[in-house]
Protein backbone atom coordinates (compact mmCIF):
# COMPACT_ATOMS: atom_id res chain seq x y z
CA UNK A 1 -34.44 45.54 2.25
CA UNK A 2 -37.21 48.17 2.03
CA UNK A 3 -40.05 48.17 -0.48
CA UNK A 4 -42.59 50.99 -0.63
CA UNK A 5 -45.33 50.12 -3.09
CA UNK A 6 -48.06 52.49 -4.35
CA UNK A 7 -48.36 54.39 -1.05
CA UNK A 8 -50.77 57.31 -0.79
CA UNK A 9 -51.75 59.44 2.17
CA UNK A 10 -54.22 62.31 2.46
CA UNK A 11 -55.10 64.70 5.26
CA UNK A 12 -58.58 65.93 4.49
CA UNK A 13 -58.45 67.38 0.99
CA UNK A 14 -54.65 67.59 0.99
CA UNK A 15 -52.78 64.79 -0.78
CA UNK A 16 -49.54 64.44 1.18
CA UNK A 17 -48.37 61.42 -0.87
CA UNK A 18 -49.62 60.23 -4.23
CA UNK A 19 -48.83 56.68 -5.32
CA UNK A 20 -45.25 56.67 -4.03
CA UNK A 21 -43.07 53.63 -4.76
CA UNK A 22 -39.37 52.92 -4.24
CA UNK A 23 -36.94 50.15 -3.26
CA UNK A 24 -33.90 50.43 -1.02
CA UNK A 25 -31.19 47.79 -1.00
CA UNK A 26 -29.36 46.70 2.14
CA UNK A 27 -26.40 48.97 2.92
CA UNK A 28 -27.53 51.85 0.70
CA UNK A 29 -27.81 55.51 1.59
CA UNK A 30 -31.10 56.49 -0.02
CA UNK A 31 -31.78 60.21 -0.28
CA UNK A 32 -35.23 61.76 -0.50
CA UNK A 33 -34.78 65.28 -1.88
CA UNK A 34 -37.49 67.89 -1.98
CA UNK A 35 -38.73 71.20 -0.59
CA UNK A 36 -40.57 71.60 2.71
CA UNK A 37 -44.11 70.30 2.33
CA UNK A 38 -43.18 67.88 -0.45
CA UNK A 39 -44.04 64.78 1.60
CA UNK A 40 -40.65 63.77 3.02
CA UNK A 41 -41.72 63.72 6.68
CA UNK A 42 -44.91 61.84 5.80
CA UNK A 43 -42.78 59.09 4.26
CA UNK A 44 -40.64 59.00 7.43
CA UNK A 45 -43.71 58.78 9.67
CA UNK A 46 -45.15 55.95 7.59
CA UNK A 47 -41.87 54.03 7.66
CA UNK A 48 -41.64 54.26 11.46
CA UNK A 49 -45.34 53.28 11.81
CA UNK A 50 -46.47 56.59 13.33
CA UNK A 51 -48.78 57.16 10.36
CA UNK A 52 -50.80 54.57 8.45
CA UNK A 53 -50.95 54.94 4.66
CA UNK A 54 -54.39 55.18 3.05
CA UNK A 55 -53.33 52.77 0.33
CA UNK A 56 -50.26 50.74 -0.58
CA UNK A 57 -47.79 48.51 1.23
CA UNK A 58 -44.49 48.96 3.03
CA UNK A 59 -42.25 45.92 3.50
CA UNK A 60 -39.17 46.38 5.71
CA UNK A 61 -36.71 43.50 6.07
CA UNK A 62 -39.44 41.08 5.04
CA UNK A 63 -42.00 42.48 7.50
CA UNK A 64 -45.19 44.24 6.38
CA UNK A 65 -45.60 47.23 8.68
CA UNK A 66 -49.38 46.68 8.70
CA UNK A 67 -48.89 43.36 10.46
CA UNK A 68 -45.98 43.91 12.83
CA UNK A 69 -45.20 47.49 13.72
CA UNK A 70 -43.38 46.53 16.93
CA UNK A 71 -40.73 44.55 15.02
CA UNK A 72 -40.16 47.55 12.74
CA UNK A 73 -39.45 49.79 15.74
CA UNK A 74 -36.74 47.40 16.91
CA UNK A 75 -34.90 47.22 13.60
CA UNK A 76 -35.20 50.91 12.74
CA UNK A 77 -33.75 54.01 14.37
CA UNK A 78 -35.43 57.33 13.59
CA UNK A 79 -33.96 60.81 13.95
CA UNK A 80 -36.89 63.24 13.79
CA UNK A 81 -36.66 66.75 12.42
CA UNK A 82 -37.59 68.14 15.84
CA UNK A 83 -35.09 67.73 18.68
CA UNK A 84 -36.56 65.41 21.30
CA UNK A 85 -34.41 65.89 24.39
CA UNK A 86 -34.92 66.99 27.99
CA UNK A 87 -33.06 70.27 28.45
CA UNK A 88 -32.52 69.91 32.22
CA UNK A 89 -31.03 66.42 31.95
CA UNK A 90 -27.46 65.66 30.96
CA UNK A 91 -26.60 63.97 27.68
CA UNK A 92 -25.95 60.73 29.56
CA UNK A 93 -29.28 60.94 31.43
CA UNK A 94 -31.18 61.63 28.19
CA UNK A 95 -29.63 58.60 26.52
CA UNK A 96 -30.34 56.37 29.53
CA UNK A 97 -33.97 57.53 29.52
CA UNK A 98 -34.59 56.98 25.81
CA UNK A 99 -32.68 53.71 25.81
CA UNK A 100 -34.85 52.50 28.69
CA UNK A 101 -37.90 52.70 26.43
CA UNK A 102 -36.45 49.80 24.42
CA UNK A 103 -36.25 47.59 27.53
CA UNK A 104 -32.50 47.23 27.11
CA UNK A 105 -30.99 45.66 30.27
CA UNK A 106 -29.24 48.40 32.26
CA UNK A 107 -25.69 46.95 32.04
CA UNK A 108 -26.04 46.66 28.23
CA UNK A 109 -27.61 50.10 28.00
CA UNK A 110 -24.70 51.75 29.83
CA UNK A 111 -22.29 50.22 27.32
CA UNK A 112 -24.48 51.33 24.42
CA UNK A 113 -24.75 54.89 25.77
CA UNK A 114 -20.98 55.20 26.00
CA UNK A 115 -20.56 53.75 22.51
CA UNK A 116 -23.08 56.09 20.89
CA UNK A 117 -21.59 59.12 22.67
CA UNK A 118 -18.25 58.19 21.15
CA UNK A 119 -19.81 57.73 17.70
CA UNK A 120 -21.20 61.28 17.76
CA UNK A 121 -17.97 62.55 19.38
CA UNK A 122 -19.63 63.96 22.50
CA UNK A 123 -18.43 61.57 25.22
CA UNK A 124 -16.49 64.45 26.78
CA UNK A 125 -19.80 66.33 27.32
CA UNK A 126 -21.84 63.42 28.64
CA UNK A 127 -22.40 64.94 32.11
CA UNK A 128 -23.36 68.40 30.84
CA UNK A 129 -26.99 69.47 30.67
CA UNK A 130 -28.51 69.56 27.22
CA UNK A 131 -29.50 73.21 27.67
CA UNK A 132 -25.79 74.10 27.55
CA UNK A 133 -25.36 72.45 24.12
CA UNK A 134 -25.44 74.21 20.76
CA UNK A 135 -28.19 73.35 18.30
CA UNK A 136 -25.81 71.19 16.28
CA UNK A 137 -24.64 69.28 19.34
CA UNK A 138 -28.26 68.62 20.34
CA UNK A 139 -28.86 67.14 16.92
CA UNK A 140 -25.87 64.85 17.39
CA UNK A 141 -27.31 63.65 20.71
CA UNK A 142 -30.63 63.16 18.88
CA UNK A 143 -28.80 60.84 16.49
CA UNK A 144 -27.18 59.01 19.41
CA UNK A 145 -30.65 58.35 20.89
CA UNK A 146 -31.69 56.58 17.68
CA UNK A 147 -28.69 54.21 17.81
CA UNK A 148 -29.03 52.83 21.33
CA UNK A 149 -30.92 49.67 20.31
CA UNK A 150 -28.43 48.88 17.53
CA UNK A 151 -30.84 49.26 14.59
CA UNK A 152 -30.16 47.87 11.11
CA UNK A 153 -31.85 50.84 9.43
CA UNK A 154 -31.46 54.53 10.28
CA UNK A 155 -33.89 57.20 9.09
CA UNK A 156 -32.78 60.83 9.33
CA UNK A 157 -35.35 63.55 8.64
CA UNK A 158 -33.59 66.82 7.72
CA UNK A 159 -30.84 66.29 10.35
CA UNK A 160 -28.77 69.36 9.46
CA UNK A 161 -31.42 72.10 9.42
CA UNK A 162 -30.06 75.10 11.31
CA UNK A 163 -26.76 73.38 12.03
CA UNK A 164 -23.42 75.20 11.83
CA UNK A 165 -20.76 73.89 9.37
CA UNK A 166 -18.61 72.22 12.05
CA UNK A 167 -21.51 70.20 13.50
CA UNK A 168 -22.79 69.46 10.02
CA UNK A 169 -19.46 67.85 9.17
CA UNK A 170 -19.64 65.83 12.40
CA UNK A 171 -23.07 64.56 11.33
CA UNK A 172 -21.76 63.66 7.88
CA UNK A 173 -18.91 61.72 9.44
CA UNK A 174 -21.32 59.78 11.65
CA UNK A 175 -23.52 58.90 8.67
CA UNK A 176 -20.57 57.75 6.59
CA UNK A 177 -19.13 55.71 9.46
CA UNK A 178 -22.44 53.94 10.14
CA UNK A 179 -22.93 53.21 6.45
CA UNK A 180 -19.39 51.85 6.13
CA UNK A 181 -20.26 49.48 8.98
CA UNK A 182 -23.20 48.18 6.92
CA UNK A 183 -26.15 50.26 8.11
CA UNK A 184 -28.91 51.10 5.63
CA UNK A 185 -29.72 54.81 5.78
CA UNK A 186 -32.67 56.87 4.56
CA UNK A 187 -31.82 60.56 4.42
CA UNK A 188 -34.38 63.30 3.73
CA UNK A 189 -33.12 66.76 2.87
CA UNK A 190 -33.75 69.88 0.83
CA UNK A 191 -30.02 70.56 0.55
CA UNK A 192 -28.81 69.35 -2.85
CA UNK A 193 -25.14 69.30 -1.92
CA UNK A 194 -25.89 66.84 0.89
CA UNK A 195 -27.80 64.44 -1.33
CA UNK A 196 -25.09 64.72 -3.97
CA UNK A 197 -22.30 64.15 -1.43
CA UNK A 198 -23.09 60.69 -0.11
CA UNK A 199 -26.43 59.26 -1.30
CA UNK A 200 -26.12 56.12 -3.43
CA UNK A 201 -29.59 56.75 -4.87
CA UNK A 202 -31.81 59.82 -4.76
CA UNK A 203 -35.57 60.18 -5.06
CA UNK A 204 -36.71 63.65 -6.14
CA UNK A 205 -40.09 64.37 -4.56
CA UNK A 206 -42.38 67.35 -5.13
CA UNK A 207 -46.02 67.89 -4.16
CA UNK A 208 -46.30 64.36 -2.79
CA UNK A 209 -45.05 62.61 -5.91
CA UNK A 210 -41.69 61.08 -6.76
CA UNK A 211 -40.67 62.82 -9.97
CA UNK A 212 -37.63 60.62 -10.60
CA UNK A 213 -35.24 58.35 -8.70
CA UNK A 214 -31.95 56.60 -9.24
CA UNK A 215 -28.22 57.22 -8.98
CA UNK A 216 -26.96 60.68 -9.89
CA UNK A 217 -25.79 59.26 -13.21
CA UNK A 218 -29.24 57.77 -13.87
CA UNK A 219 -30.95 61.04 -12.93
CA UNK A 220 -28.73 62.87 -15.39
CA UNK A 221 -29.78 60.46 -18.11
CA UNK A 222 -33.48 60.72 -17.18
CA UNK A 223 -33.40 64.52 -17.15
CA UNK A 224 -31.37 64.78 -20.36
CA UNK A 225 -29.37 67.63 -18.82
CA UNK A 226 -26.05 68.37 -20.50
CA UNK A 227 -22.83 70.16 -19.57
CA UNK A 228 -22.56 73.79 -20.66
CA UNK A 229 -19.65 75.83 -21.93
CA UNK A 230 -19.82 79.65 -21.89
CA UNK A 231 -17.26 81.57 -23.91
CA UNK A 232 -16.59 85.31 -23.66
CA UNK A 233 -15.14 86.68 -26.87
CA UNK A 234 -12.76 89.63 -27.13
CA UNK A 235 -14.09 92.48 -29.30
CA UNK A 236 -16.37 90.24 -31.32
CA UNK A 237 -18.31 92.08 -34.03
CA UNK A 238 -21.65 91.05 -35.47
CA UNK A 239 -20.04 89.55 -38.56
CA UNK A 240 -17.81 87.26 -36.46
CA UNK A 241 -20.74 86.19 -34.27
CA UNK A 242 -22.89 85.46 -37.32
CA UNK A 243 -20.11 83.38 -38.88
CA UNK A 244 -19.54 81.34 -35.68
CA UNK A 245 -23.24 80.64 -35.06
CA UNK A 246 -24.00 79.84 -38.72
CA UNK A 247 -21.16 77.32 -38.92
CA UNK A 248 -22.31 75.55 -35.74
CA UNK A 249 -26.05 75.79 -34.92
CA UNK A 250 -25.36 74.49 -31.39
CA UNK A 251 -23.73 77.83 -30.54
CA UNK A 252 -26.15 80.34 -29.00
CA UNK A 253 -25.13 83.97 -28.64
CA UNK A 254 -26.37 85.85 -25.55
CA UNK A 255 -26.33 89.52 -26.48
CA UNK A 256 -26.98 90.60 -22.86
CA UNK A 257 -23.76 89.07 -21.56
CA UNK A 258 -21.89 89.06 -24.86
CA UNK A 259 -21.13 85.36 -24.56
CA UNK A 260 -21.48 82.23 -26.63
CA UNK A 261 -23.19 79.29 -24.93
CA UNK A 262 -23.05 75.72 -26.09
CA UNK A 263 -24.36 72.51 -24.56
CA UNK A 264 -22.06 69.53 -24.78
CA UNK A 265 -22.16 65.88 -23.83
CA UNK A 266 -18.81 65.92 -22.06
CA UNK A 267 -16.92 69.11 -21.20
CA UNK A 268 -13.53 67.40 -21.02
CA UNK A 269 -13.87 65.83 -24.46
CA UNK A 270 -15.77 68.56 -26.30
CA UNK A 271 -14.05 71.75 -25.09
CA UNK A 272 -10.94 71.55 -27.34
CA UNK A 273 -13.13 70.87 -30.39
CA UNK A 274 -15.46 73.81 -29.62
CA UNK A 275 -12.59 76.23 -29.00
CA UNK A 276 -10.93 75.18 -32.24
CA UNK A 277 -14.16 75.82 -34.18
CA UNK A 278 -14.48 79.32 -32.71
CA UNK A 279 -10.90 80.23 -33.51
CA UNK A 280 -11.20 78.88 -37.06
CA UNK A 281 -14.23 81.16 -37.52
CA UNK A 282 -12.20 84.21 -36.50
CA UNK A 283 -13.22 84.43 -32.84
CA UNK A 284 -10.73 85.54 -30.21
CA UNK A 285 -11.42 83.89 -26.85
CA UNK A 286 -11.12 86.07 -23.75
CA UNK A 287 -12.60 83.85 -21.04
CA UNK A 288 -14.09 80.37 -20.66
CA UNK A 289 -16.64 79.21 -18.07
CA UNK A 290 -17.59 75.58 -17.62
CA UNK A 291 -20.65 74.18 -15.87
CA UNK A 292 -20.85 70.45 -15.39
CA UNK A 293 -24.14 68.67 -14.82
CA UNK A 294 -25.03 68.65 -11.12
CA UNK A 295 -28.05 67.75 -9.04
CA UNK A 296 -29.31 71.34 -9.11
CA UNK A 297 -29.54 71.38 -12.90
CA UNK A 298 -31.16 67.93 -12.86
CA UNK A 299 -33.75 69.02 -10.29
CA UNK A 300 -34.56 72.19 -12.22
CA UNK A 301 -35.04 70.27 -15.45
CA UNK A 302 -37.23 67.57 -13.88
CA UNK A 303 -39.47 69.81 -11.76
CA UNK A 304 -39.37 73.02 -13.76
CA UNK A 305 -38.52 75.05 -10.66
CA UNK A 306 -35.74 75.75 -8.21
CA UNK A 307 -35.62 73.89 -4.90
CA UNK A 308 -37.22 76.14 -2.32
CA UNK A 309 -37.13 76.07 1.46
């Protein structure tokens, strides 16, 4: 449904995007994960035709954005990182205003406003001024504004920044509901747990380049990250440690923490075998810690650094 092919964008001597390419299938939730300044918002602005790429092509639902930007605006809803609402107007008045920009006939718009308020679970606050809303509730109204023209694609740029847990869960529920109804969603974030929670595919972006992309399973394979087992031994002497590590070179002893660490392909399958080997070598196990492969370990391996704000 969306093809981004060899897109680059520079601002002066700063390369915001460098030869970025990806494909998004209809009905997918496609996550773009990276720190602030990585190029996420530039991708969003190119997709919604606010910014023209220096090179490359973007095809959305068969339309090249270079040739027909107006069609793109009708099939795509965009939730910007900044809240774009009028504080002195009510939620209902804000939605009627923004919906009017799409030339939706007023009777249809009124129905759409009510529907979107129900989707974001704020119909009961429709007559209240936006200035009385919490930051999270404002973001939910921001999402409602992007849905008024019934788009086929929704782009959300860091929609949960500064949002409390309750409103964040509301936003998640809206995203999952829209996707279950068939909407294609592009979701930019620097929160790993969000990308891991509901994105079908994830592109890891850093310094304007996509480092890797795919399903979480594919990213694990690309990064070659493995599960890790950490074992604390009871009163282990140097002789016991030497015997355990010599019999299995995969075992690494951390003298600082007094623990054995071993990487394994599958914690569930390998743990009994590893524990049996330790006990056969005279080790007495006091405590076991397991760490399965997650997006954080994948990101660290692929970029060589932790995800920063």
